[in-house]
Amino acid sequence: MASFEIEGGTRLKGTLTPQGAKNEALQVLCTPLLTKEKVTISNIPNIRDVNKLIELLGYMGVKVERISADTYTFQADDVNLDYLTSEDFKVKGAGLRGSIMLVGPLLARFGKGYIPQPGGDKIGRRRLDTHFIGFQKLGATFTYVAEQQFYKVEGNPLKGTYMLLDEASVTGTANIVMAAVMAEGITTIYNAACEPYLQQLCKMLNRMGAKISGIGSNMLIIEGVKEMGGTEHRCLPDMIEIGSFIGLAAMTHSEITIKDVSYPDLGIIPDTFRRLGIHIDLKGDDLYIPAQEHYAIDTFIDGSILTISDHPWPGFTPDLISIALVVATQAKGSVLIHQKMFESRLFFVDKLIEMGAQIILCDPHRATVIGMDHRQPLRGIRMTSPDIRAGVALLIAAMSASGKSVIDNIEQIDRGYTDIDTRLNAIGAKIRRF
């Protein structure tokens, strides 16, 4: 197990370029299973979750070639379907949350998809019902083998249909879309997710020969096709990393430029951080965050305390709630942080309280933060990263703190952020990996 030792209180200055989007990569990396032709994907982040999915595709018989640091080609012209029922697949698939995204394209092309119960962050219940209900509506049969924690979905041919999703699940929508592109007839998905990464997936599928309309809305209409072809695709920059860098700049009084952010795809993220008092300037497609000694939290128009909560797109992404909470600990003013989706995601605040933050955890979903306006810095402690996003939030807190901190279990951070210590050290951070 690896750890970070962080010497806090250091100001940073320089330029950061965000990695490719993790959540997009985990979706689009499964599209090669829909075709025998070659698919090229670039701007793939070099992180553990993504690399494990690429390795899993290789074990399945997909020909994988890395042609540059962030670009791969994939050709699924000889998929080994027997591997899907092997013990090796059950072990490797169970260690990766993104493995669930394999089921949709396998079902579409081969009429069956198998997957062990996926792993991932321990941030509360992350149910998969939306995925499998959608497959069933397309005509597939679903079986769960409880003693093996193994899911089986079989159906050939799939039939287009109308469905109203019980939640606007991003991965659920993506999985169902990939299953529906080769179903007979027309599939209408209402209450579909419409995140930029889902839009990217749909545009990629259309270039492969799919017929998807309504992209960017919450109603997708898919006219099934008989076969799909190859394409080239480039992942967007990671909006979660961009938001993390904004928070980092504010907490450490740093002057940071974030390059090539694809600003139209950031949605409400910049304005949410501006409501926390952070100055953000758009220069071309770069974000410039000047060094600030203080930043004050906004209030609602009637003067009442500001609430920041997560919502489906185009609302504020739940993956940045942890960052917003940490940023608020050193702001001027108070804010209510409301994390609606995952009941365990705020439990890392006990570490911030131990560091000296003024936080009241109201319940598993809500925390009130009383900002200290940088009058009293956080103090360094030893802590453990519980999940990807909380891990980076704790890293930001440690970089702003007085003294040294140690963060254990940084494998969780590595799952979502490429060489984060090396990149931050290049602009003045003092982080040691051991």
Protein backbone atom coordinates (compact mmCIF):
# COMPACT_ATOMS: atom_id res chain seq x y z
CA MET A 1 0.00 0.00 0.00
CA ALA A 2 1.36 3.41 -1.00
CA SER A 3 1.06 6.73 0.82
CA PHE A 4 1.61 10.43 0.25
CA GLU A 5 3.57 12.64 2.63
CA ILE A 6 2.58 16.26 2.06
CA GLU A 7 4.32 19.35 3.37
CA GLY A 8 1.51 21.88 3.60
CA GLY A 9 1.40 25.64 3.32
CA THR A 10 3.18 25.86 -0.03
CA ARG A 11 1.88 28.17 -2.74
CA LEU A 12 1.80 26.86 -6.28
CA LYS A 13 2.24 28.71 -9.53
CA GLY A 14 2.04 27.42 -13.07
CA THR A 15 0.00 25.63 -15.68
CA LEU A 16 -1.89 22.35 -15.43
CA THR A 17 -3.37 20.41 -18.34
CA PRO A 18 -6.30 18.18 -17.39
CA GLN A 19 -6.18 14.51 -18.27
CA GLY A 20 -8.74 12.85 -20.51
CA ALA A 21 -12.08 12.24 -18.87
CA LYS A 22 -12.13 9.06 -16.78
CA ASN A 23 -15.90 8.66 -16.85
CA GLU A 24 -16.04 9.11 -20.61
CA ALA A 25 -13.16 6.70 -21.21
CA LEU A 26 -14.85 3.91 -19.24
CA GLN A 27 -17.84 4.20 -21.60
CA VAL A 28 -16.20 4.66 -25.00
CA LEU A 29 -13.59 1.94 -24.38
CA CYS A 30 -16.42 -0.61 -24.56
CA THR A 31 -17.67 0.49 -28.01
CA PRO A 32 -15.07 -1.56 -29.96
CA LEU A 33 -17.01 -4.67 -28.87
CA LEU A 34 -19.80 -3.54 -31.22
CA THR A 35 -17.76 -4.02 -34.40
CA LYS A 36 -15.13 -6.16 -36.10
CA GLU A 37 -13.46 -3.04 -37.46
CA LYS A 38 -10.66 -1.04 -35.83
CA VAL A 39 -11.52 1.75 -33.38
CA THR A 40 -8.98 4.40 -32.36
CA ILE A 41 -9.44 6.36 -29.12
CA SER A 42 -7.17 9.22 -27.98
CA ASN A 43 -6.76 11.36 -24.86
CA ILE A 44 -7.23 8.26 -22.71
CA PRO A 45 -6.15 8.96 -19.12
CA ASN A 46 -3.33 6.79 -17.76
CA ILE A 47 -5.10 5.78 -14.55
CA ARG A 48 -5.70 2.47 -12.81
CA ASP A 49 -9.42 2.04 -13.52
CA VAL A 50 -9.01 2.77 -17.22
CA ASN A 51 -5.88 0.64 -17.58
CA LYS A 52 -7.61 -2.29 -15.90
CA LEU A 53 -10.52 -2.04 -18.35
CA ILE A 54 -8.11 -1.97 -21.31
CA GLU A 55 -6.35 -5.06 -19.89
CA LEU A 56 -9.72 -6.78 -19.48
CA LEU A 57 -10.57 -6.12 -23.13
CA GLY A 58 -7.28 -7.74 -24.07
CA TYR A 59 -8.05 -10.82 -21.99
CA MET A 60 -11.38 -11.05 -23.85
CA GLY A 61 -9.54 -11.36 -27.15
CA VAL A 62 -9.72 -7.73 -28.31
CA LYS A 63 -6.54 -6.75 -30.18
CA VAL A 64 -5.18 -3.76 -28.26
CA GLU A 65 -2.32 -1.60 -29.53
CA ARG A 66 -0.94 1.45 -27.76
CA ILE A 67 0.24 3.82 -30.48
CA SER A 68 1.14 6.80 -28.25
CA ALA A 69 1.05 7.81 -24.59
CA ASP A 70 -2.71 8.45 -24.65
CA THR A 71 -3.91 6.75 -27.85
CA TYR A 72 -4.92 3.13 -28.44
CA THR A 73 -6.42 1.10 -31.26
CA PHE A 74 -8.86 -1.72 -30.57
CA GLN A 75 -10.14 -4.46 -32.86
CA ALA A 76 -12.71 -6.94 -31.57
CA ASP A 77 -12.78 -9.30 -34.56
CA ASP A 78 -12.14 -12.44 -32.50
CA VAL A 79 -13.77 -12.05 -29.08
CA ASN A 80 -13.41 -15.07 -26.79
CA LEU A 81 -16.92 -15.41 -25.36
CA ASP A 82 -15.90 -18.45 -23.31
CA TYR A 83 -13.63 -16.20 -21.25
CA LEU A 84 -16.71 -14.41 -19.92
CA THR A 85 -17.64 -17.43 -17.82
CA SER A 86 -14.12 -18.17 -16.60
CA GLU A 87 -12.95 -17.76 -13.02
CA ASP A 88 -10.26 -15.35 -14.21
CA PHE A 89 -12.89 -13.03 -15.69
CA LYS A 90 -14.95 -13.18 -12.51
CA VAL A 91 -11.96 -12.05 -10.46
CA LYS A 92 -10.73 -9.34 -12.83
CA GLY A 93 -14.20 -7.97 -13.64
CA ALA A 94 -15.17 -7.79 -9.98
CA GLY A 95 -12.27 -5.45 -9.24
CA LEU A 96 -13.50 -2.73 -11.59
CA ARG A 97 -16.69 -0.67 -11.41
CA GLY A 98 -16.47 0.15 -15.13
CA SER A 99 -16.72 -3.52 -16.10
CA ILE A 100 -20.52 -3.18 -16.06
CA MET A 101 -20.21 -1.15 -19.29
CA LEU A 102 -19.15 -4.29 -21.17
CA VAL A 103 -22.61 -5.84 -20.91
CA GLY A 104 -24.50 -3.53 -23.31
CA PRO A 105 -22.24 -3.92 -26.35
CA LEU A 106 -21.78 -7.67 -25.74
CA LEU A 107 -25.54 -8.10 -25.60
CA ALA A 108 -26.04 -6.04 -28.76
CA ARG A 109 -23.52 -7.92 -30.89
CA PHE A 110 -23.40 -11.42 -29.43
CA GLY A 111 -26.78 -11.75 -27.72
CA LYS A 112 -25.31 -12.29 -24.27
CA GLY A 113 -23.34 -10.43 -21.66
CA TYR A 114 -21.92 -11.72 -18.38
CA ILE A 115 -20.35 -9.75 -15.57
CA PRO A 116 -19.44 -10.31 -11.90
CA GLN A 117 -20.73 -7.82 -9.39
CA PRO A 118 -18.43 -4.83 -10.03
CA GLY A 119 -16.23 -3.20 -7.42
CA GLY A 120 -15.30 0.48 -7.14
CA ASP A 121 -15.64 3.19 -4.51
CA LYS A 122 -17.28 2.43 -1.17
CA ILE A 123 -19.48 5.51 -1.15
CA GLY A 124 -22.85 3.89 -0.50
CA ARG A 125 -25.29 1.89 -2.55
CA ARG A 126 -24.65 2.03 -6.29
CA ARG A 127 -27.42 -0.10 -7.68
CA LEU A 128 -27.42 -1.56 -11.17
CA ASP A 129 -31.18 -2.00 -11.54
CA THR A 130 -31.48 0.69 -14.24
CA HIS A 131 -29.04 -1.18 -16.49
CA PHE A 132 -30.75 -4.54 -16.25
CA ILE A 133 -34.33 -3.25 -16.36
CA GLY A 134 -33.40 -1.49 -19.60
CA PHE A 135 -31.95 -4.70 -21.05
CA GLN A 136 -35.10 -6.56 -20.06
CA LYS A 137 -37.29 -3.98 -21.81
CA LEU A 138 -35.25 -4.65 -24.95
CA GLY A 139 -36.23 -8.31 -24.65
CA ALA A 140 -33.27 -9.77 -22.77
CA THR A 141 -33.51 -12.28 -19.95
CA PHE A 142 -31.75 -11.38 -16.73
CA THR A 143 -30.34 -13.89 -14.23
CA TYR A 144 -28.43 -13.20 -11.03
CA VAL A 145 -26.44 -16.09 -9.58
CA ALA A 146 -26.33 -15.02 -5.95
CA GLU A 147 -23.79 -17.54 -4.67
CA GLN A 148 -21.29 -16.38 -7.33
CA GLN A 149 -22.42 -12.72 -7.38
CA PHE A 150 -22.59 -13.10 -11.15
CA TYR A 151 -24.97 -11.38 -13.59
CA LYS A 152 -26.14 -12.96 -16.85
CA VAL A 153 -28.09 -11.20 -19.58
CA GLU A 154 -29.14 -13.04 -22.74
CA GLY A 155 -31.34 -11.98 -25.63
CA ASN A 156 -31.21 -12.43 -29.38
CA PRO A 157 -32.60 -10.59 -31.17
CA LEU A 158 -33.21 -7.48 -29.09
CA LYS A 159 -36.33 -5.49 -29.94
CA GLY A 160 -36.64 -1.71 -29.88
CA THR A 161 -39.14 -0.32 -27.39
CA TYR A 162 -40.14 2.72 -25.33
CA MET A 163 -38.72 2.98 -21.82
CA LEU A 164 -38.87 5.54 -19.03
CA LEU A 165 -35.78 5.16 -16.87
CA ASP A 166 -36.35 5.12 -13.11
CA GLU A 167 -33.33 7.42 -12.71
CA ALA A 168 -31.21 9.47 -15.10
CA SER A 169 -28.23 7.16 -14.59
CA VAL A 170 -25.24 8.07 -16.76
CA THR A 171 -23.78 4.57 -16.90
CA GLY A 172 -27.25 3.04 -17.12
CA THR A 173 -28.17 5.24 -20.08
CA ALA A 174 -24.85 4.54 -21.79
CA ASN A 175 -25.16 0.79 -21.34
CA ILE A 176 -28.72 0.71 -22.65
CA VAL A 177 -27.82 2.91 -25.62
CA MET A 178 -25.00 0.57 -26.60
CA ALA A 179 -27.37 -2.38 -26.37
CA ALA A 180 -30.10 -0.62 -28.36
CA VAL A 181 -28.03 0.55 -31.36
CA MET A 182 -28.34 -2.89 -32.97
CA ALA A 183 -31.83 -3.80 -31.71
CA GLU A 184 -34.60 -4.35 -34.23
CA GLY A 185 -36.82 -1.28 -34.66
CA ILE A 186 -36.84 1.97 -32.71
CA THR A 187 -35.90 2.45 -29.06
CA THR A 188 -36.97 5.56 -27.16
CA ILE A 189 -35.23 6.26 -23.86
CA TYR A 190 -36.93 8.93 -21.74
CA ASN A 191 -35.35 10.40 -18.59
CA ALA A 192 -32.01 9.63 -20.21
CA ALA A 193 -28.84 11.14 -18.82
CA CYS A 194 -27.49 13.97 -20.96
CA GLU A 195 -23.99 14.58 -19.52
CA PRO A 196 -21.32 15.69 -22.02
CA TYR A 197 -19.67 12.27 -21.71
CA LEU A 198 -22.92 10.57 -22.70
CA GLN A 199 -23.22 13.00 -25.60
CA GLN A 200 -19.68 12.09 -26.63
CA LEU A 201 -20.58 8.38 -26.58
CA CYS A 202 -23.68 8.92 -28.72
CA LYS A 203 -21.76 11.00 -31.28
CA MET A 204 -19.09 8.31 -31.44
CA LEU A 205 -21.71 5.60 -31.96
CA ASN A 206 -23.27 7.63 -34.78
CA ARG A 207 -19.89 7.81 -36.49
CA MET A 208 -19.75 4.01 -36.18
CA GLY A 209 -23.07 3.75 -38.02
CA ALA A 210 -25.69 4.09 -35.29
CA LYS A 211 -28.76 6.28 -35.73
CA ILE A 212 -29.26 8.19 -32.49
CA SER A 213 -31.20 11.45 -32.28
CA GLY A 214 -32.02 13.73 -29.36
CA ILE A 215 -28.39 13.86 -28.22
CA GLY A 216 -28.02 16.37 -25.37
CA SER A 217 -31.66 16.03 -24.30
CA ASN A 218 -33.32 13.65 -21.85
CA MET A 219 -35.06 11.74 -24.66
CA LEU A 220 -32.94 9.63 -26.97
CA ILE A 221 -34.42 7.94 -30.03
CA ILE A 222 -32.39 5.09 -31.49
CA GLU A 223 -33.12 3.42 -34.81
CA GLY A 224 -31.46 0.02 -34.76
CA VAL A 225 -28.91 -0.92 -37.41
CA LYS A 226 -27.61 -4.34 -38.46
CA GLU A 227 -23.91 -3.67 -38.02
CA MET A 228 -21.44 -1.08 -36.79
CA GLY A 229 -18.10 0.06 -38.18
CA GLY A 230 -14.84 1.54 -36.97
CA THR A 231 -14.12 5.17 -36.09
CA GLU A 232 -11.73 7.56 -34.37
CA HIS A 233 -12.63 9.33 -31.14
CA ARG A 234 -11.01 11.81 -28.73
CA CYS A 235 -12.06 12.02 -25.07
CA LEU A 236 -12.93 15.36 -23.50
CA PRO A 237 -10.78 16.83 -20.73
CA ASP A 238 -11.83 15.59 -17.29
CA MET A 239 -14.25 18.09 -15.73
CA ILE A 240 -13.72 16.56 -12.27
CA GLU A 241 -9.99 17.16 -12.45
CA ILE A 242 -10.61 20.72 -13.67
CA GLY A 243 -12.89 21.38 -10.70
CA SER A 244 -10.31 19.84 -8.36
CA PHE A 245 -7.63 22.20 -9.68
CA ILE A 246 -9.92 25.21 -9.17
CA GLY A 247 -10.42 24.20 -5.55
CA LEU A 248 -6.71 23.56 -5.09
CA ALA A 249 -5.82 27.04 -6.30
CA ALA A 250 -8.21 28.69 -3.83
CA MET A 251 -7.18 26.61 -0.82
CA THR A 252 -3.44 27.16 -1.34
CA HIS A 253 -3.53 30.86 -2.39
CA SER A 254 -2.08 29.77 -5.73
CA GLU A 255 -2.00 31.25 -9.21
CA ILE A 256 -2.89 28.47 -11.62
CA THR A 257 -3.84 28.30 -15.30
CA ILE A 258 -5.81 25.24 -16.40
CA LYS A 259 -5.29 24.61 -20.11
CA ASP A 260 -7.76 23.47 -22.78
CA VAL A 261 -10.77 22.85 -20.55
CA SER A 262 -13.49 22.61 -23.26
CA TYR A 263 -15.37 25.33 -21.39
CA PRO A 264 -18.84 24.76 -22.96
CA ASP A 265 -18.77 21.23 -21.57
CA LEU A 266 -18.13 22.35 -17.96
CA GLY A 267 -21.72 23.43 -17.45
CA ILE A 268 -22.41 24.93 -14.03
CA ILE A 269 -19.06 23.90 -12.50
CA PRO A 270 -17.20 27.25 -12.86
CA ASP A 271 -20.17 29.28 -11.60
CA THR A 272 -20.61 27.01 -8.58
CA PHE A 273 -17.02 27.67 -7.53
CA ARG A 274 -17.52 31.36 -8.23
CA ARG A 275 -20.40 31.30 -5.72
CA LEU A 276 -17.88 30.08 -3.18
CA GLY A 277 -15.96 33.29 -3.88
CA ILE A 278 -13.27 31.99 -6.21
CA HIS A 279 -12.17 34.31 -9.01
CA ILE A 280 -12.05 32.44 -12.33
CA ASP A 281 -11.21 34.10 -15.65
CA LEU A 282 -11.79 32.48 -19.02
CA LYS A 283 -8.93 33.15 -21.44
CA GLY A 284 -9.63 31.48 -24.75
CA ASP A 285 -10.30 27.90 -23.65
CA ASP A 286 -8.11 28.19 -20.54
CA LEU A 287 -9.18 28.95 -16.98
CA TYR A 288 -7.01 31.39 -15.02
CA ILE A 289 -7.35 31.38 -11.22
CA PRO A 290 -5.39 34.24 -9.61
CA ALA A 291 -3.87 33.94 -6.15
CA GLN A 292 -6.46 35.00 -3.56
CA GLU A 293 -5.85 35.76 0.10
CA HIS A 294 -9.57 35.48 0.87
CA TYR A 295 -12.74 34.33 -0.83
CA ALA A 296 -16.28 34.86 0.45
CA ILE A 297 -19.22 32.51 0.03
CA ASP A 298 -22.25 34.00 -1.68
CA THR A 299 -25.75 33.87 -0.17
CA PHE A 300 -29.14 33.44 -1.73
CA ILE A 301 -30.93 36.66 -2.80
CA ASP A 302 -32.85 36.87 0.49
CA GLY A 303 -29.61 36.60 2.48
CA SER A 304 -30.12 33.01 3.59
CA ILE A 305 -27.27 30.52 3.72
CA LEU A 306 -26.13 29.13 0.38
CA THR A 307 -26.80 25.48 -0.39
CA ILE A 308 -24.64 23.54 -2.84
CA SER A 309 -26.14 20.24 -3.90
CA ASP A 310 -25.60 17.68 -6.61
CA HIS A 311 -28.06 17.16 -9.45
CA PRO A 312 -28.18 15.24 -12.71
CA TRP A 313 -26.64 17.18 -15.59
CA PRO A 314 -26.79 20.09 -16.22
CA GLY A 315 -26.72 20.40 -12.44
CA PHE A 316 -23.60 20.24 -10.29
CA THR A 317 -21.85 16.88 -10.57
CA PRO A 318 -21.75 14.77 -7.38
CA ASP A 319 -18.09 13.99 -8.04
CA LEU A 320 -17.15 17.56 -7.08
CA ILE A 321 -19.18 17.81 -3.88
CA SER A 322 -16.15 16.70 -1.83
CA ILE A 323 -14.01 19.40 -3.43
CA ALA A 324 -16.61 22.13 -2.83
CA LEU A 325 -16.85 21.08 0.82
CA VAL A 326 -13.09 21.31 1.36
CA VAL A 327 -12.91 24.69 -0.38
CA ALA A 328 -15.64 26.01 1.92
CA THR A 329 -13.63 25.20 5.06
CA GLN A 330 -11.31 28.19 4.39
CA ALA A 331 -13.86 30.54 2.83
CA LYS A 332 -15.51 33.49 4.53
CA GLY A 333 -19.08 32.55 5.39
CA SER A 334 -21.09 29.35 5.69
CA VAL A 335 -22.62 26.88 3.28
CA LEU A 336 -24.80 23.79 3.44
CA ILE A 337 -23.39 20.94 1.35
CA HIS A 338 -26.11 18.48 0.31
CA GLN A 339 -24.89 15.24 -1.27
CA LYS A 340 -28.05 13.51 -2.44
CA MET A 341 -26.84 10.48 -4.33
CA PHE A 342 -24.49 8.53 -2.04
CA GLU A 343 -25.08 8.15 1.67
CA SER A 344 -21.43 7.48 2.57
CA ARG A 345 -19.67 10.12 0.54
CA LEU A 346 -19.54 12.76 3.28
CA PHE A 347 -18.08 10.51 5.94
CA PHE A 348 -14.56 11.72 5.17
CA VAL A 349 -15.37 15.01 6.93
CA ASP A 350 -14.26 13.50 10.23
CA LYS A 351 -10.71 13.81 8.92
CA LEU A 352 -11.28 17.49 8.09
CA ILE A 353 -12.70 18.09 11.55
CA GLU A 354 -9.60 16.47 13.04
CA MET A 355 -7.55 18.90 10.94
CA GLY A 356 -9.43 21.79 12.54
CA ALA A 357 -12.26 22.45 10.07
CA GLN A 358 -15.56 23.74 11.42
CA ILE A 359 -18.09 21.26 10.00
CA ILE A 360 -21.37 19.94 11.37
CA LEU A 361 -22.34 16.62 9.79
CA CYS A 362 -26.11 16.87 9.93
CA ASP A 363 -26.80 13.40 8.52
CA PRO A 364 -25.23 11.09 5.88
CA HIS A 365 -26.25 13.48 3.12
CA ARG A 366 -25.79 17.00 4.56
CA ALA A 367 -22.96 18.93 6.15
CA THR A 368 -22.86 22.55 7.28
CA VAL A 369 -19.46 24.18 6.79
CA ILE A 370 -18.47 27.30 8.74
CA GLY A 371 -15.60 28.82 6.81
CA MET A 372 -12.55 30.08 8.70
CA ASP A 373 -11.51 32.68 6.09
CA HIS A 374 -7.89 31.44 6.25
CA ARG A 375 -7.56 32.96 9.76
CA GLN A 376 -6.63 29.56 11.16
CA PRO A 377 -4.98 27.04 8.80
CA LEU A 378 -5.85 23.38 8.93
CA ARG A 379 -3.25 21.23 10.69
CA GLY A 380 -1.49 18.24 9.20
CA ILE A 381 -2.56 14.74 10.33
CA ARG A 382 -2.36 11.12 9.14
CA MET A 383 -5.46 9.92 7.30
CA THR A 384 -6.70 7.35 4.80
CA SER A 385 -8.27 7.96 1.40
CA PRO A 386 -11.74 6.33 1.37
CA ASP A 387 -12.52 6.91 -2.32
CA ILE A 388 -11.22 8.73 -5.38
CA ARG A 389 -12.88 12.10 -4.88
CA ALA A 390 -12.58 12.27 -1.10
CA GLY A 391 -8.93 11.28 -1.51
CA VAL A 392 -8.18 14.28 -3.69
CA ALA A 393 -10.21 16.53 -1.39
CA LEU A 394 -8.03 15.38 1.52
CA LEU A 395 -4.91 15.95 -0.61
CA ILE A 396 -6.04 19.54 -1.23
CA ALA A 397 -6.71 20.01 2.48
CA ALA A 398 -3.25 18.64 3.33
CA MET A 399 -1.56 20.96 0.82
CA SER A 400 -3.20 23.95 2.50
CA ALA A 401 -2.53 22.74 6.04
CA SER A 402 0.18 23.75 8.48
CA GLY A 403 2.77 21.04 8.92
CA LYS A 404 3.05 17.58 7.39
CA SER A 405 0.24 15.21 6.54
CA VAL A 406 0.26 11.59 5.44
CA ILE A 407 -2.49 10.08 3.29
CA ASP A 408 -2.62 6.29 3.16
CA ASN A 409 -4.40 4.11 0.58
CA ILE A 410 -3.54 6.49 -2.25
CA GLU A 411 -4.29 3.69 -4.71
CA GLN A 412 -7.80 5.13 -4.52
CA ILE A 413 -6.50 8.49 -5.79
CA ASP A 414 -4.45 6.78 -8.51
CA ARG A 415 -7.65 5.18 -9.80
CA GLY A 416 -8.86 8.59 -10.96
CA TYR A 417 -5.89 10.97 -11.34
CA THR A 418 -2.84 10.52 -13.59
CA ASP A 419 0.49 11.06 -11.77
CA ILE A 420 -1.15 13.68 -9.57
CA ASP A 421 1.90 14.04 -7.29
CA THR A 422 4.34 14.51 -10.18
CA ARG A 423 2.14 17.07 -11.91
CA LEU A 424 1.52 19.12 -8.77
CA ASN A 425 5.17 18.96 -7.68
CA ALA A 426 6.09 20.46 -11.06
CA ILE A 427 4.32 23.70 -10.08
CA GLY A 428 5.62 23.88 -6.52
CA ALA A 429 3.85 21.27 -4.40
CA LYS A 430 5.79 19.16 -1.89
CA ILE A 431 4.34 15.67 -2.14
CA ARG A 432 6.38 12.52 -1.56
CA ARG A 433 5.10 9.09 -2.56
CA PHE A 434 6.31 6.19 -0.43
